[in-house]
Amino acid sequence: MAETTVRPRVRHVSRASESDRKNAAAALQRALDRRDNGGETGH
């Protein structure tokens, strides 16, 4: 990977992006809930 290559970040907006963002947020929240509620230091 060439470190000298600069690519501007382009945000593609589509109809599916809103639901995709909600799904990603929900998945992230579930992952955070599992981490907080369980694991080695879980109650």
Protein backbone atom coordinates (compact mmCIF):
# COMPACT_ATOMS: atom_id res chain seq x y z
CA MET A 1 0.00 0.00 0.00
CA ALA A 2 1.52 3.29 -1.08
CA GLU A 3 1.50 5.75 1.78
CA THR A 4 1.97 8.66 -0.61
CA THR A 5 -1.36 7.92 -2.27
CA VAL A 6 -4.00 10.32 -1.01
CA ARG A 7 -7.62 9.54 -1.58
CA PRO A 8 -10.31 11.97 -0.52
CA ARG A 9 -13.05 10.33 1.46
CA VAL A 10 -16.24 10.35 -0.56
CA ARG A 11 -19.48 9.68 1.24
CA HIS A 12 -21.88 7.89 -1.03
CA VAL A 13 -25.47 8.61 -0.16
CA SER A 14 -28.07 6.08 -1.14
CA ARG A 15 -31.49 5.01 0.06
CA ALA A 16 -30.02 1.92 1.71
CA SER A 17 -27.41 3.90 3.64
CA GLU A 18 -29.89 4.98 6.31
CA SER A 19 -31.02 1.46 7.14
CA ASP A 20 -27.44 0.21 6.87
CA ARG A 21 -26.37 2.83 9.38
CA LYS A 22 -29.18 1.85 11.75
CA ASN A 23 -28.26 -1.83 11.41
CA ALA A 24 -24.62 -1.05 12.08
CA ALA A 25 -25.52 1.06 15.10
CA ALA A 26 -27.73 -1.71 16.47
CA ALA A 27 -25.01 -4.31 15.95
CA LEU A 28 -22.47 -2.08 17.65
CA GLN A 29 -24.80 -1.51 20.57
CA ARG A 30 -25.36 -5.25 20.97
CA ALA A 31 -21.61 -5.82 20.91
CA LEU A 32 -21.09 -3.13 23.54
CA ASP A 33 -23.89 -4.57 25.67
CA ARG A 34 -22.31 -8.04 25.51
CA ARG A 35 -18.94 -6.60 26.47
CA ASP A 36 -20.39 -4.62 29.37
CA ASN A 37 -22.66 -7.37 30.66
CA GLY A 38 -20.34 -10.32 30.39
CA GLY A 39 -16.83 -11.48 29.80
CA GLU A 40 -14.03 -12.09 32.27
CA THR A 41 -14.96 -9.21 34.54
CA GLY A 42 -18.71 -9.70 34.15
CA HIS A 43 -20.96 -9.94 37.15
